[in-house]
N, C-alpha and C. Protein backbone atom coordinates (compact mmCIF):
# COMPACT_ATOMS: atom_id res chain seq x y z
N UNK A 1 -57.28 23.52 -21.65
CA UNK A 1 -58.55 23.37 -21.84
C UNK A 1 -58.66 24.45 -22.80
N UNK A 2 -58.81 26.15 -22.58
CA UNK A 2 -58.79 26.77 -23.45
C UNK A 2 -58.10 26.69 -25.00
N UNK A 3 -57.20 26.12 -24.87
CA UNK A 3 -56.16 25.95 -26.04
C UNK A 3 -56.80 25.04 -27.36
N UNK A 4 -57.54 23.94 -26.42
CA UNK A 4 -58.50 23.13 -27.39
C UNK A 4 -60.07 23.62 -27.78
N UNK A 5 -60.16 24.26 -26.97
CA UNK A 5 -61.50 25.43 -27.48
C UNK A 5 -61.35 26.36 -28.54
N UNK A 6 -60.18 26.77 -28.57
CA UNK A 6 -59.65 27.71 -29.72
C UNK A 6 -59.23 27.16 -30.85
N UNK A 7 -58.89 25.74 -30.58
CA UNK A 7 -58.33 25.17 -31.65
C UNK A 7 -59.79 24.61 -32.41
N UNK A 8 -60.51 24.13 -31.54
CA UNK A 8 -61.59 23.38 -32.33
C UNK A 8 -62.53 24.59 -33.06
N UNK A 9 -62.57 25.81 -32.40
CA UNK A 9 -63.22 27.11 -33.04
C UNK A 9 -62.63 27.60 -34.35
N UNK A 10 -61.37 27.21 -34.35
CA UNK A 10 -60.75 27.50 -35.64
C UNK A 10 -60.96 26.29 -36.53
N UNK A 11 -60.80 25.20 -36.03
CA UNK A 11 -61.23 23.95 -37.09
C UNK A 11 -62.39 24.00 -37.73
N UNK A 12 -63.40 24.29 -37.00
CA UNK A 12 -64.84 24.23 -37.26
C UNK A 12 -65.30 25.42 -38.17
N UNK A 13 -64.76 26.71 -38.16
CA UNK A 13 -64.86 27.87 -39.05
C UNK A 13 -64.23 27.42 -40.35
N UNK A 14 -63.43 26.31 -40.71
CA UNK A 14 -62.87 26.46 -42.04
C UNK A 14 -63.62 25.26 -42.66
N UNK A 15 -63.26 25.03 -43.95
CA UNK A 15 -63.79 23.70 -44.70
C UNK A 15 -62.94 22.58 -44.23
N UNK A 16 -63.97 21.41 -44.65
CA UNK A 16 -63.27 20.12 -44.42
C UNK A 16 -62.77 19.75 -45.12
N UNK A 17 -61.94 18.30 -45.17
CA UNK A 17 -60.90 17.98 -46.08
C UNK A 17 -61.68 16.53 -46.60
N UNK A 18 -62.26 16.55 -47.48
CA UNK A 18 -63.00 15.34 -48.05
C UNK A 18 -62.28 13.82 -47.73
N UNK A 19 -60.99 14.29 -48.09
CA UNK A 19 -60.26 12.54 -47.71
C UNK A 19 -59.96 11.99 -46.36
N UNK A 20 -60.52 13.05 -45.71
CA UNK A 20 -60.28 12.65 -44.48
C UNK A 20 -61.58 12.64 -43.60
N UNK A 21 -62.72 12.69 -44.38
CA UNK A 21 -63.89 12.79 -43.98
C UNK A 21 -64.56 11.23 -44.07
N UNK A 22 -64.34 10.73 -43.19
CA UNK A 22 -64.78 8.92 -43.55
C UNK A 22 -64.34 8.46 -42.06
N UNK A 23 -65.43 7.21 -41.88
CA UNK A 23 -65.32 6.47 -40.86
C UNK A 23 -63.90 6.00 -40.48
N UNK A 24 -63.14 5.55 -41.00
CA UNK A 24 -61.87 5.13 -41.01
C UNK A 24 -60.82 6.10 -40.28
N UNK A 25 -60.92 7.18 -40.65
CA UNK A 25 -60.21 8.32 -40.24
C UNK A 25 -60.72 8.90 -38.88
N UNK A 26 -61.66 8.97 -38.63
CA UNK A 26 -62.62 8.97 -37.64
C UNK A 26 -62.08 8.34 -36.81
N UNK A 27 -61.94 6.99 -36.85
CA UNK A 27 -61.21 5.78 -35.77
C UNK A 27 -60.01 6.18 -35.57
N UNK A 28 -59.31 6.39 -36.64
CA UNK A 28 -57.74 6.72 -36.27
C UNK A 28 -57.55 7.82 -35.48
N UNK A 29 -58.39 8.84 -35.89
CA UNK A 29 -58.40 10.02 -34.65
C UNK A 29 -58.65 9.74 -33.25
N UNK A 30 -59.69 9.00 -33.05
CA UNK A 30 -59.82 8.43 -31.83
C UNK A 30 -58.86 7.99 -31.19
N UNK A 31 -58.24 7.11 -31.73
CA UNK A 31 -57.04 6.08 -31.48
C UNK A 31 -55.73 7.08 -31.00
N UNK A 32 -55.66 8.16 -31.58
CA UNK A 32 -54.37 9.12 -31.49
C UNK A 32 -54.71 9.86 -30.04
N UNK A 33 -56.55 10.17 -29.97
CA UNK A 33 -56.72 10.92 -28.69
C UNK A 33 -56.60 10.24 -27.68
N UNK A 34 -56.93 8.56 -27.73
CA UNK A 34 -56.73 7.79 -26.77
C UNK A 34 -55.02 7.64 -26.35
N UNK A 35 -54.32 7.58 -27.42
CA UNK A 35 -52.65 7.72 -26.71
C UNK A 35 -52.41 8.58 -26.12
N UNK A 36 -52.51 9.80 -26.74
CA UNK A 36 -52.58 11.14 -26.21
C UNK A 36 -52.74 11.47 -25.16
N UNK A 37 -54.19 10.96 -24.71
CA UNK A 37 -54.60 11.10 -23.27
C UNK A 37 -53.79 10.60 -22.38
N UNK A 38 -53.59 8.95 -22.56
CA UNK A 38 -52.88 8.30 -21.87
C UNK A 38 -51.22 8.71 -21.57
N UNK A 39 -50.81 9.27 -22.55
CA UNK A 39 -49.57 9.62 -22.51
C UNK A 39 -49.55 11.01 -21.59
N UNK A 40 -50.54 11.53 -21.45
CA UNK A 40 -50.57 13.14 -21.04
C UNK A 40 -50.94 12.92 -19.42
N UNK A 41 -52.09 12.12 -19.49
CA UNK A 41 -52.54 11.75 -17.95
C UNK A 41 -51.41 11.04 -17.04
N UNK A 42 -50.83 9.90 -17.90
CA UNK A 42 -49.64 9.25 -17.25
C UNK A 42 -48.52 9.92 -16.92
N UNK A 43 -48.15 11.11 -17.75
CA UNK A 43 -46.94 11.66 -17.15
C UNK A 43 -47.22 12.61 -16.01
N UNK A 44 -48.69 13.33 -15.97
CA UNK A 44 -48.90 13.95 -14.82
C UNK A 44 -48.86 13.21 -13.57
N UNK A 45 -49.43 12.06 -13.49
CA UNK A 45 -49.25 11.05 -12.66
C UNK A 45 -48.13 11.15 -12.09
N UNK A 46 -46.76 10.77 -12.89
CA UNK A 46 -45.45 10.40 -12.82
C UNK A 46 -44.86 11.67 -12.30
N UNK A 47 -45.10 12.43 -12.75
CA UNK A 47 -44.71 13.78 -12.31
C UNK A 47 -44.76 14.46 -11.06
N UNK A 48 -46.41 14.60 -11.05
CA UNK A 48 -47.31 15.09 -9.87
C UNK A 48 -47.28 16.58 -10.34
N UNK A 49 -47.95 17.45 -9.59
CA UNK A 49 -48.43 18.70 -9.64
C UNK A 49 -46.98 19.82 -10.21
N UNK A 50 -46.39 19.51 -8.98
CA UNK A 50 -45.08 20.50 -9.14
C UNK A 50 -44.10 20.27 -10.47
N UNK A 51 -44.23 18.66 -10.50
CA UNK A 51 -43.02 18.43 -11.78
C UNK A 51 -43.26 18.64 -12.82
N UNK A 52 -45.03 18.77 -12.86
CA UNK A 52 -45.82 18.88 -14.15
C UNK A 52 -45.55 20.54 -14.54
N UNK A 53 -45.92 21.45 -13.44
CA UNK A 53 -46.05 22.67 -13.73
C UNK A 53 -44.99 23.35 -13.14
N UNK A 54 -43.69 23.02 -13.70
CA UNK A 54 -42.22 23.98 -13.46
C UNK A 54 -41.98 24.16 -12.15
N UNK A 55 -41.98 22.68 -11.41
CA UNK A 55 -41.39 22.93 -10.02
C UNK A 55 -39.75 22.90 -10.12
N UNK A 56 -39.52 22.23 -11.43
CA UNK A 56 -37.84 22.34 -11.32
C UNK A 56 -37.13 23.70 -11.50
N UNK A 57 -38.17 24.63 -12.06
CA UNK A 57 -37.55 25.79 -12.47
C UNK A 57 -37.45 26.44 -11.04
N UNK A 58 -37.97 26.37 -10.24
CA UNK A 58 -38.10 26.85 -8.57
C UNK A 58 -37.26 26.24 -7.87
N UNK A 59 -36.46 24.88 -7.98
CA UNK A 59 -35.76 24.11 -7.07
C UNK A 59 -36.87 23.20 -6.60
N UNK A 60 -37.83 22.78 -6.81
CA UNK A 60 -38.94 21.87 -6.03
C UNK A 60 -38.53 20.55 -7.30
N UNK A 61 -37.48 19.53 -6.72
CA UNK A 61 -37.21 18.69 -7.71
C UNK A 61 -37.94 17.21 -6.88
N UNK A 62 -37.68 16.34 -7.82
CA UNK A 62 -37.90 15.01 -7.48
C UNK A 62 -36.68 14.33 -7.10
N UNK A 63 -36.87 13.35 -6.42
CA UNK A 63 -35.70 12.38 -5.46
C UNK A 63 -34.63 12.58 -6.70
N UNK A 64 -35.21 11.96 -8.23
CA UNK A 64 -34.41 11.66 -9.10
C UNK A 64 -35.14 11.85 -10.50
N UNK A 65 -34.38 12.03 -11.72
CA UNK A 65 -35.13 12.29 -12.85
C UNK A 65 -36.05 11.16 -12.80
N UNK A 66 -37.44 11.51 -13.00
CA UNK A 66 -38.45 10.40 -13.40
C UNK A 66 -38.13 9.50 -14.93
N UNK A 67 -38.05 7.96 -14.45
CA UNK A 67 -37.65 7.13 -15.35
C UNK A 67 -38.55 6.02 -15.60
N UNK A 68 -39.79 6.22 -15.02
CA UNK A 68 -40.65 5.45 -14.84
C UNK A 68 -41.95 5.60 -16.04
N UNK A 69 -42.86 4.66 -16.35
CA UNK A 69 -44.04 4.80 -17.75
C UNK A 69 -44.61 6.38 -17.37
N UNK A 70 -44.33 6.92 -18.26
CA UNK A 70 -44.28 6.87 -19.54
C UNK A 70 -42.72 7.11 -20.13
N UNK A 71 -42.14 7.64 -19.18
CA UNK A 71 -40.79 8.22 -19.62
C UNK A 71 -40.01 7.30 -20.02
N UNK A 72 -40.30 5.78 -19.68
CA UNK A 72 -39.24 4.84 -20.07
C UNK A 72 -39.35 4.37 -21.49
N UNK A 73 -40.67 4.52 -22.26
CA UNK A 73 -41.00 4.55 -23.34
C UNK A 73 -40.54 5.93 -24.09
N UNK A 74 -40.70 6.99 -23.95
CA UNK A 74 -40.67 8.09 -24.73
C UNK A 74 -40.50 9.22 -24.11
N UNK A 75 -39.15 10.05 -24.62
CA UNK A 75 -38.82 11.31 -23.81
C UNK A 75 -39.86 12.29 -23.98
N UNK A 76 -40.33 12.96 -23.04
CA UNK A 76 -41.29 14.22 -23.38
C UNK A 76 -42.62 13.55 -23.53
N UNK A 77 -43.17 12.80 -22.73
CA UNK A 77 -44.29 12.07 -23.19
C UNK A 77 -45.69 13.15 -23.07
N UNK A 78 -45.60 13.91 -22.40
CA UNK A 78 -46.61 15.01 -22.21
C UNK A 78 -46.76 15.93 -23.71
N UNK A 79 -45.39 16.33 -24.30
CA UNK A 79 -45.75 17.11 -25.00
C UNK A 79 -46.30 16.23 -26.42
N UNK A 80 -45.60 14.92 -26.52
CA UNK A 80 -45.87 14.37 -27.62
C UNK A 80 -47.35 13.63 -27.56
N UNK A 81 -47.65 13.60 -26.12
CA UNK A 81 -49.36 13.16 -25.92
C UNK A 81 -50.17 14.05 -26.31
N UNK A 82 -49.69 15.61 -25.87
CA UNK A 82 -50.51 16.56 -26.31
C UNK A 82 -50.50 16.67 -27.79
N UNK A 83 -49.51 16.62 -28.50
CA UNK A 83 -49.25 16.93 -29.91
C UNK A 83 -50.41 15.34 -30.77
N UNK A 84 -50.40 14.24 -30.11
CA UNK A 84 -51.22 13.39 -30.43
C UNK A 84 -52.55 13.68 -30.30
N UNK A 85 -53.04 14.53 -29.36
CA UNK A 85 -54.10 14.81 -28.95
C UNK A 85 -54.94 15.82 -30.08
N UNK A 86 -54.05 16.93 -30.17
CA UNK A 86 -54.28 18.00 -31.11
C UNK A 86 -54.55 16.99 -32.85
N UNK A 87 -53.58 16.11 -33.17
CA UNK A 87 -53.75 15.58 -34.22
C UNK A 87 -54.71 14.59 -34.34
N UNK A 88 -55.23 13.90 -33.55
CA UNK A 88 -56.49 12.88 -33.60
C UNK A 88 -57.75 13.68 -33.55
N UNK A 89 -57.56 15.13 -32.91
CA UNK A 89 -59.06 15.93 -32.88
C UNK A 89 -59.26 16.35 -34.32
N UNK A 90 -57.94 16.97 -35.12
CA UNK A 90 -57.86 17.29 -36.36
C UNK A 90 -58.33 16.49 -37.36
N UNK A 91 -58.11 15.20 -37.23
CA UNK A 91 -58.48 14.02 -38.41
C UNK A 91 -59.75 13.75 -37.83
N UNK A 92 -60.24 13.77 -36.63
CA UNK A 92 -61.26 13.48 -36.40
C UNK A 92 -62.39 14.56 -37.16
N UNK A 93 -62.05 15.61 -36.98
CA UNK A 93 -62.98 16.79 -37.75
C UNK A 93 -62.70 17.27 -39.05
N UNK A 94 -61.72 16.01 -39.65
CA UNK A 94 -61.31 16.27 -40.89
C UNK A 94 -60.97 17.43 -41.28
N UNK A 95 -60.01 18.08 -40.83
CA UNK A 95 -59.88 19.84 -40.67
C UNK A 95 -58.30 19.92 -41.22
N UNK A 96 -58.25 20.34 -42.54
CA UNK A 96 -56.77 20.64 -42.77
C UNK A 96 -56.41 22.23 -41.84
N UNK A 97 -57.14 22.84 -41.50
CA UNK A 97 -56.65 23.84 -40.71
C UNK A 97 -56.08 23.68 -39.40
N UNK A 98 -56.82 22.43 -38.61
CA UNK A 98 -56.28 21.74 -37.60
C UNK A 98 -54.76 20.90 -37.80
N UNK A 99 -54.88 20.27 -38.82
CA UNK A 99 -53.75 19.52 -39.46
C UNK A 99 -52.53 20.63 -39.18
N UNK A 100 -52.77 21.60 -39.81
CA UNK A 100 -51.78 23.01 -40.19
C UNK A 100 -51.31 23.36 -38.52
N UNK A 101 -52.30 23.57 -37.68
CA UNK A 101 -52.07 24.15 -36.26
C UNK A 101 -51.56 22.94 -35.44
N UNK A 102 -51.50 21.61 -35.53
CA UNK A 102 -51.08 20.59 -35.34
C UNK A 102 -49.62 20.73 -35.38
N UNK A 103 -48.96 20.86 -36.65
CA UNK A 103 -48.02 20.92 -37.06
C UNK A 103 -47.25 22.33 -36.25
N UNK A 104 -47.95 23.50 -35.97
CA UNK A 104 -47.51 24.56 -35.39
C UNK A 104 -46.98 24.36 -33.99
N UNK A 105 -48.01 23.56 -33.19
CA UNK A 105 -47.96 23.20 -32.20
C UNK A 105 -46.59 21.99 -31.65
N UNK A 106 -46.45 21.23 -32.71
CA UNK A 106 -45.55 20.32 -32.69
C UNK A 106 -44.07 20.91 -32.73
N UNK A 107 -44.20 21.99 -33.82
CA UNK A 107 -42.85 22.56 -33.81
C UNK A 107 -42.22 23.71 -32.53
N UNK A 108 -43.57 24.24 -31.76
CA UNK A 108 -43.28 24.68 -30.81
C UNK A 108 -42.67 23.78 -29.52
N UNK A 109 -43.37 22.46 -29.68
CA UNK A 109 -43.02 21.85 -28.47
C UNK A 109 -41.77 21.19 -28.70
N UNK A 110 -41.18 21.16 -30.08
CA UNK A 110 -39.58 21.07 -30.36
C UNK A 110 -38.63 21.70 -29.98
N UNK A 111 -38.93 23.12 -30.20
CA UNK A 111 -38.21 24.12 -29.76
C UNK A 111 -38.05 24.00 -28.33
N UNK A 112 -39.24 23.83 -27.34
CA UNK A 112 -39.57 24.07 -25.88
C UNK A 112 -38.44 22.90 -25.36
N UNK A 113 -38.62 21.54 -26.18
CA UNK A 113 -37.38 20.34 -25.67
C UNK A 113 -36.13 20.74 -25.97
N UNK A 114 -36.01 21.61 -27.06
CA UNK A 114 -34.31 21.93 -27.13
C UNK A 114 -34.04 22.60 -26.02
N UNK A 115 -34.71 23.42 -25.32
CA UNK A 115 -34.29 24.30 -24.22
C UNK A 115 -34.40 23.44 -22.80
N UNK A 116 -35.56 22.88 -22.93
CA UNK A 116 -35.83 22.49 -21.50
C UNK A 116 -35.30 21.16 -21.36
N UNK A 117 -34.94 20.32 -22.13
CA UNK A 117 -34.14 19.04 -22.12
C UNK A 117 -32.68 19.08 -21.35
N UNK A 118 -31.80 20.03 -21.88
CA UNK A 118 -30.46 20.16 -21.56
C UNK A 118 -30.44 20.83 -19.80
N UNK A 119 -31.48 21.74 -19.55
CA UNK A 119 -31.75 22.43 -18.35
C UNK A 119 -32.10 21.24 -17.43
N UNK A 120 -33.18 20.30 -17.78
CA UNK A 120 -33.35 19.06 -16.91
C UNK A 120 -32.13 18.63 -16.71
N UNK A 121 -31.60 17.89 -17.45
CA UNK A 121 -30.47 17.17 -17.25
C UNK A 121 -29.46 17.60 -16.44
N UNK A 122 -29.00 18.68 -16.65
CA UNK A 122 -28.32 19.61 -15.84
C UNK A 122 -28.83 19.83 -14.17
N UNK A 123 -29.99 20.36 -14.08
CA UNK A 123 -30.35 20.22 -12.44
C UNK A 123 -30.39 18.81 -11.80
N UNK A 124 -30.73 17.82 -12.59
CA UNK A 124 -30.50 16.71 -11.89
C UNK A 124 -29.06 15.99 -11.68
N UNK A 125 -28.21 16.54 -12.71
CA UNK A 125 -27.02 16.21 -12.50
C UNK A 125 -26.39 16.82 -11.49
N UNK A 126 -26.66 17.99 -11.63
CA UNK A 126 -25.98 18.73 -10.06
C UNK A 126 -26.79 18.36 -8.79
N UNK A 127 -27.80 18.04 -8.71
CA UNK A 127 -28.40 17.30 -7.54
C UNK A 127 -27.90 15.81 -7.40
N UNK A 128 -27.38 15.33 -8.41
CA UNK A 128 -26.72 14.10 -8.05
C UNK A 128 -25.43 13.91 -7.69
N UNK A 129 -24.60 15.02 -8.41
CA UNK A 129 -23.26 15.41 -7.54
C UNK A 129 -23.10 15.89 -6.39
N UNK A 130 -24.11 16.97 -5.63
CA UNK A 130 -24.48 17.06 -4.93
C UNK A 130 -24.96 16.09 -3.63
N UNK A 131 -25.45 14.99 -3.89
CA UNK A 131 -25.70 14.12 -3.13
C UNK A 131 -24.51 13.12 -2.77
N UNK A 132 -23.98 12.92 -3.67
CA UNK A 132 -22.60 12.31 -3.69
C UNK A 132 -21.59 12.42 -2.80
N UNK A 133 -21.76 14.11 -3.04
CA UNK A 133 -20.70 14.72 -2.40
C UNK A 133 -20.74 14.57 -0.76
N UNK A 134 -21.94 14.34 -0.45
CA UNK A 134 -22.64 14.29 0.87
C UNK A 134 -22.24 12.82 1.45
N UNK A 135 -22.49 12.12 0.58
CA UNK A 135 -22.05 10.15 1.45
C UNK A 135 -20.85 9.97 1.35
C-alpha cells in the first residue's frame, strides 16, 4: 500500500498526458485495475499467507505447486496483476510518469521471475522426488 501511495504522489506531482485525459482511457484504466486486483487477490487466496510471503524460501511448501486459478491461465499472476494495477492507475490519472514507473515495476518483476521461477520449480521437483522415494 505504501508503494501505491508513493506511486500516486509521484504521478500527481507531474504533468498529465492530454491524449490519456479522456473518459475512454479512464474506463480502460478501471478495467485494468479490476483485472489486476482480481489476479492479485485470487493469487493470494490460492497461495495463502505463507505461500504469498516467501514461505517456500523457509521450507514451508504446499502439498504441490499451485496450478488452480489464476495460475492455470497465467504464470506469476500476482506480479502481472500488480503491474496491471499500476498501469490502470497511471492511465486513470493520465500520467506519463505513471506509465514510466509502471515500466520500471514490470522490469523489476521480470528480473524477479527469472530468479524465482527456477527456484520454485526446483524445490517442488525435489519435494516430488522425495515423496516418490518414500512411496
